[in-house]
N, C-alpha and C. Protein backbone atom coordinates (compact mmCIF):
# COMPACT_ATOMS: atom_id res chain seq x y z
N UNK A 1 201.45 41.17 135.06
CA UNK A 1 199.62 40.80 135.54
C UNK A 1 199.44 41.93 134.22
N UNK A 2 200.04 43.43 133.79
CA UNK A 2 199.57 44.36 133.86
C UNK A 2 199.71 44.84 131.55
N UNK A 3 200.74 43.76 131.75
CA UNK A 3 200.49 43.34 130.12
C UNK A 3 199.18 42.70 129.83
N UNK A 4 199.51 41.47 130.60
CA UNK A 4 198.35 40.91 130.39
C UNK A 4 197.63 41.72 129.83
N UNK A 5 196.54 41.94 131.15
CA UNK A 5 195.14 42.37 130.60
C UNK A 5 195.49 43.12 129.66
N UNK A 6 196.80 44.76 129.26
CA UNK A 6 197.03 45.52 128.29
C UNK A 6 196.44 44.35 126.33
N UNK A 7 197.20 43.83 126.84
CA UNK A 7 197.57 42.19 125.52
C UNK A 7 195.42 41.87 125.55
N UNK A 8 194.51 41.63 126.41
CA UNK A 8 193.81 41.01 126.23
C UNK A 8 192.18 41.70 125.69
N UNK A 9 193.28 43.21 126.29
CA UNK A 9 191.53 44.77 125.09
C UNK A 9 192.17 44.79 124.76
N UNK A 10 193.37 44.84 123.93
CA UNK A 10 193.61 45.21 122.99
C UNK A 10 193.35 44.30 121.53
N UNK A 11 193.90 43.05 122.04
CA UNK A 11 192.57 41.94 121.24
C UNK A 11 191.53 41.77 121.07
N UNK A 12 190.44 41.89 122.92
CA UNK A 12 189.66 43.14 122.35
C UNK A 12 188.15 43.40 121.58
N UNK A 13 189.51 45.30 121.89
CA UNK A 13 189.40 45.90 120.80
C UNK A 13 189.95 45.95 119.39
N UNK A 14 190.48 45.44 118.61
CA UNK A 14 190.66 45.31 117.80
C UNK A 14 189.40 44.03 116.55
N UNK A 15 189.07 43.38 117.05
CA UNK A 15 188.31 42.18 116.21
C UNK A 15 187.10 42.55 116.96
N UNK A 16 187.07 43.69 118.09
CA UNK A 16 185.29 44.62 117.93
C UNK A 16 184.74 45.59 117.25
N UNK A 17 185.98 46.34 116.58
CA UNK A 17 186.40 47.32 115.30
C UNK A 17 186.72 46.82 114.16
N UNK A 18 186.68 45.49 114.08
CA UNK A 18 186.99 44.71 112.17
C UNK A 18 185.83 43.75 112.12
N UNK A 19 184.62 43.90 112.98
CA UNK A 19 184.13 42.59 113.80
C UNK A 19 182.22 44.04 113.20
N UNK A 20 182.85 45.20 113.69
CA UNK A 20 182.21 46.19 113.72
C UNK A 20 182.05 46.92 112.39
N UNK A 21 183.47 46.82 111.97
CA UNK A 21 182.74 47.30 110.21
C UNK A 21 182.53 46.80 109.40
N UNK A 22 183.15 44.79 109.76
CA UNK A 22 182.82 44.06 108.24
C UNK A 22 181.06 44.31 108.58
N UNK A 23 179.67 44.12 110.03
CA UNK A 23 178.60 44.41 109.60
C UNK A 23 178.35 45.67 109.22
N UNK A 24 179.25 47.11 109.05
CA UNK A 24 178.19 48.23 109.18
C UNK A 24 178.32 48.33 107.38
N UNK A 25 179.79 47.47 107.01
CA UNK A 25 179.53 47.42 104.88
C UNK A 25 178.87 46.27 104.64
N UNK A 26 178.35 45.35 105.80
CA UNK A 26 177.02 44.87 104.92
C UNK A 26 175.95 44.87 104.90
N UNK A 27 175.91 45.70 105.20
CA UNK A 27 174.40 46.35 105.82
C UNK A 27 174.19 47.48 104.28
N UNK A 28 175.42 48.23 104.45
CA UNK A 28 175.25 49.00 103.85
C UNK A 28 175.57 49.06 101.93
N UNK A 29 176.24 47.61 102.09
CA UNK A 29 176.39 46.54 99.65
C UNK A 29 175.18 45.76 100.39
N UNK A 30 174.50 45.64 100.71
CA UNK A 30 173.39 43.93 100.47
C UNK A 30 173.48 43.85 99.35
N UNK A 31 174.20 43.97 98.31
CA UNK A 31 175.17 41.85 97.01
C UNK A 31 175.91 41.95 97.60
N UNK A 32 176.61 42.02 98.38
CA UNK A 32 177.37 41.34 99.47
C UNK A 32 177.67 40.83 100.07
N UNK A 33 176.22 41.02 101.12
CA UNK A 33 175.90 40.03 102.01
C UNK A 33 175.20 40.04 101.65
N UNK A 34 174.30 39.14 100.48
CA UNK A 34 174.08 38.50 99.79
C UNK A 34 174.24 37.37 99.19
N UNK A 35 175.60 37.57 98.87
CA UNK A 35 176.98 37.27 98.04
C UNK A 35 177.39 35.91 99.80
N UNK A 36 177.52 36.80 100.51
CA UNK A 36 178.24 36.08 101.63
C UNK A 36 177.27 34.84 102.43
N UNK A 37 175.57 35.31 102.22
CA UNK A 37 175.01 34.73 102.80
C UNK A 37 174.90 32.92 102.24
N UNK A 38 174.44 34.18 100.85
CA UNK A 38 174.57 32.20 99.73
C UNK A 38 176.27 31.41 100.01
N UNK A 39 177.36 31.53 100.49
CA UNK A 39 178.65 31.11 100.39
C UNK A 39 178.30 30.12 101.44
N UNK A 40 178.12 30.98 102.43
CA UNK A 40 177.46 30.43 103.81
C UNK A 40 176.51 28.93 103.85
N UNK A 41 174.73 29.46 103.37
CA UNK A 41 174.55 28.57 102.94
C UNK A 41 175.25 27.32 102.19
N UNK A 42 175.39 27.23 101.13
CA UNK A 42 175.97 26.13 100.61
C UNK A 42 177.00 25.58 100.55
N UNK A 43 177.95 26.36 101.78
CA UNK A 43 179.10 25.43 101.75
C UNK A 43 178.60 24.56 103.29
N UNK A 44 177.80 24.84 104.36
CA UNK A 44 177.95 25.00 105.55
C UNK A 44 176.68 23.79 105.51
N UNK A 45 175.79 24.14 104.72
CA UNK A 45 174.32 23.28 104.78
C UNK A 45 173.53 23.05 105.55
N UNK A 46 173.53 23.67 107.26
CA UNK A 46 173.20 24.42 108.06
C UNK A 46 173.86 23.59 109.04
N UNK A 47 174.64 22.95 109.18
CA UNK A 47 174.73 23.31 110.17
C UNK A 47 176.28 24.01 110.89
N UNK A 48 176.38 23.31 112.18
CA UNK A 48 177.14 24.87 112.86
C UNK A 48 178.79 24.79 111.90
N UNK A 49 178.69 26.23 111.91
CA UNK A 49 181.00 26.10 111.94
C UNK A 49 181.51 25.66 112.35
N UNK A 50 182.86 24.92 111.68
CA UNK A 50 183.28 23.98 112.33
C UNK A 50 184.97 25.22 112.59
N UNK A 51 186.54 24.98 112.61
CA UNK A 51 186.82 26.45 112.31
C UNK A 51 187.89 25.61 110.89
N UNK A 52 187.64 24.57 110.77
CA UNK A 52 188.10 24.11 109.42
C UNK A 52 187.66 24.88 108.21
N UNK A 53 185.97 25.10 108.49
CA UNK A 53 185.89 26.31 107.77
C UNK A 53 185.39 27.77 107.14
N UNK A 54 186.98 27.99 108.42
CA UNK A 54 187.30 29.00 107.97
C UNK A 54 187.64 28.57 106.37
N UNK A 55 188.27 28.54 106.33
CA UNK A 55 190.02 28.36 104.56
C UNK A 55 188.86 28.58 103.25
N UNK A 56 187.55 27.00 103.79
CA UNK A 56 186.70 27.41 102.57
C UNK A 56 185.45 28.66 102.20
N UNK A 57 185.52 29.33 102.92
CA UNK A 57 185.00 30.47 103.08
C UNK A 57 185.54 31.56 102.35
N UNK A 58 185.53 31.91 101.24
CA UNK A 58 186.99 32.64 100.59
C UNK A 58 186.24 33.84 100.04
N UNK A 59 184.25 33.87 100.60
CA UNK A 59 184.58 35.30 99.99
C UNK A 59 183.77 35.84 100.97
N UNK A 60 184.16 35.25 102.02
CA UNK A 60 183.64 35.46 104.09
C UNK A 60 185.22 36.16 103.51
N UNK A 61 186.41 35.36 103.80
CA UNK A 61 188.18 35.48 104.05
C UNK A 61 187.99 36.72 103.12
N UNK A 62 187.83 37.15 102.03
CA UNK A 62 188.17 37.85 101.42
C UNK A 62 187.63 39.74 101.78
N UNK A 63 185.50 39.35 102.26
CA UNK A 63 185.34 40.18 102.83
C UNK A 63 185.92 41.30 104.09
N UNK A 64 186.44 39.82 104.59
CA UNK A 64 187.28 40.20 106.18
C UNK A 64 188.52 40.81 105.32
N UNK A 65 189.46 40.48 104.50
CA UNK A 65 190.50 41.06 104.23
C UNK A 65 190.52 42.87 103.88
N UNK A 66 189.23 43.35 102.98
CA UNK A 66 189.10 44.26 102.32
C UNK A 66 188.56 44.92 103.34
N UNK A 67 187.86 44.10 105.14
CA UNK A 67 187.14 45.75 105.97
C UNK A 67 188.56 45.98 106.76
N UNK A 68 189.61 44.64 106.67
CA UNK A 68 190.74 45.56 107.77
C UNK A 68 191.84 45.86 106.51
N UNK A 69 191.76 46.02 105.04
CA UNK A 69 192.73 46.99 104.50
C UNK A 69 191.94 47.86 105.12
N UNK A 70 190.55 48.33 104.22
CA UNK A 70 189.92 49.55 104.28
C UNK A 70 190.07 49.75 106.53
N UNK A 71 190.02 49.43 106.72
CA UNK A 71 189.58 49.97 108.68
C UNK A 71 191.08 49.50 109.82
N UNK A 72 192.21 50.14 108.94
CA UNK A 72 192.94 48.89 109.60
C UNK A 72 192.57 49.47 111.25
N UNK A 73 192.44 47.95 111.95
CA UNK A 73 192.50 48.38 113.94
C UNK A 73 193.24 48.33 114.32
N UNK A 74 194.40 48.79 113.83
CA UNK A 74 195.59 49.25 114.44
C UNK A 74 195.97 50.52 113.35
N UNK A 75 195.95 51.45 113.89
CA UNK A 75 196.10 52.58 113.03
C UNK A 75 197.29 53.29 113.08
N UNK A 76 198.71 52.92 113.80
CA UNK A 76 199.75 53.48 113.43
C UNK A 76 200.55 51.83 114.09
N UNK A 77 201.23 51.56 113.05
CA UNK A 77 202.51 50.70 113.22
C UNK A 77 204.02 51.13 113.67
N UNK A 78 204.51 50.68 114.54
CA UNK A 78 206.02 51.40 114.92
C UNK A 78 206.87 49.75 115.08
N UNK A 79 207.49 50.52 114.40
CA UNK A 79 209.30 49.64 113.58
C UNK A 79 210.57 50.33 113.91
N UNK A 80 211.26 48.92 113.99
CA UNK A 80 213.09 49.34 114.54
C UNK A 80 213.80 49.03 113.43
N UNK A 81 214.35 49.87 113.16
CA UNK A 81 215.34 50.39 111.85
C UNK A 81 216.65 49.61 112.00
N UNK A 82 216.68 48.96 112.39
CA UNK A 82 217.52 46.97 112.28
C UNK A 82 219.88 48.05 111.75
N UNK A 83 218.98 48.45 109.84
CA UNK A 83 219.48 48.26 109.53
C UNK A 83 220.06 49.43 108.87
N UNK A 84 220.66 50.48 108.96
CA UNK A 84 221.00 51.64 108.49
C UNK A 84 220.98 52.83 107.33
N UNK A 85 219.63 53.42 107.30
CA UNK A 85 219.45 53.81 105.63
C UNK A 85 220.30 55.48 105.46
N UNK A 86 219.17 55.49 104.07
CA UNK A 86 220.15 56.55 104.27
C UNK A 86 218.94 58.07 105.01
N UNK A 87 218.02 57.71 104.80
CA UNK A 87 217.25 59.09 105.71
C UNK A 87 216.88 57.79 107.16
N UNK A 88 216.66 56.92 107.66
CA UNK A 88 216.70 55.87 108.50
C UNK A 88 217.64 56.20 110.09
N UNK A 89 218.83 56.26 110.49
CA UNK A 89 219.73 55.95 111.04
C UNK A 89 219.63 54.82 111.75
N UNK A 90 219.83 53.95 111.40
CA UNK A 90 220.60 51.82 112.67
C UNK A 90 219.79 51.68 114.16
N UNK A 91 218.60 51.31 114.45
CA UNK A 91 218.17 51.98 115.53
C UNK A 91 216.92 52.96 116.19
N UNK A 92 216.88 53.45 114.70
CA UNK A 92 216.21 54.55 115.65
C UNK A 92 214.26 53.38 115.50
N UNK A 93 213.91 54.38 115.46
CA UNK A 93 211.93 53.74 116.16
C UNK A 93 211.91 54.94 114.95
N UNK A 94 210.93 54.18 114.21
CA UNK A 94 210.20 55.08 112.00
C UNK A 94 208.16 54.24 113.31
N UNK A 95 207.45 54.63 112.61
CA UNK A 95 205.91 54.78 112.50
C UNK A 95 205.25 55.26 111.19
N UNK A 96 203.92 54.21 111.42
CA UNK A 96 203.63 54.38 109.46
C UNK A 96 202.23 54.42 109.87
N UNK A 97 201.15 54.74 109.36
CA UNK A 97 200.04 54.89 109.21
C UNK A 97 199.41 53.39 107.88
N UNK A 98 198.44 53.33 109.09
CA UNK A 98 197.51 51.87 108.16
C UNK A 98 196.92 52.05 107.05
N UNK A 99 196.73 53.56 106.89
CA UNK A 99 195.76 53.30 105.87
C UNK A 99 196.24 54.05 105.11
N UNK A 100 197.88 54.93 105.55
CA UNK A 100 198.63 55.36 103.96
C UNK A 100 198.93 53.67 103.11
N UNK A 101 199.57 52.54 104.34
CA UNK A 101 199.68 51.43 103.68
C UNK A 101 199.39 51.46 102.31
N UNK A 102 197.93 51.14 102.03
CA UNK A 102 196.63 50.30 101.71
C UNK A 102 196.29 51.25 100.76
N UNK A 103 196.68 53.09 100.56
CA UNK A 103 195.18 53.47 99.43
C UNK A 103 196.35 53.52 98.45
């Protein structure tokens, strides 16, 4: 039960961080905001959004990908080394900062 609660809270936090940063970037970049609004208006034509529309909104997808690149919701990614390398012995744990990966 504790793991389920932790996963629910982690999902909520990562989603809220991503959406908060997306809104912040839309607010601070009015040109992009207008492009996104125009794309949504053109593709949806006044109807409610459906799950299949996510793939059609290419500018919105690009904006979300950029937000995740600039402000990753998970700061550190830990991995287990499966094959012995020159600097990391096999079965050791390594971590990397996500912001360093995308710079």
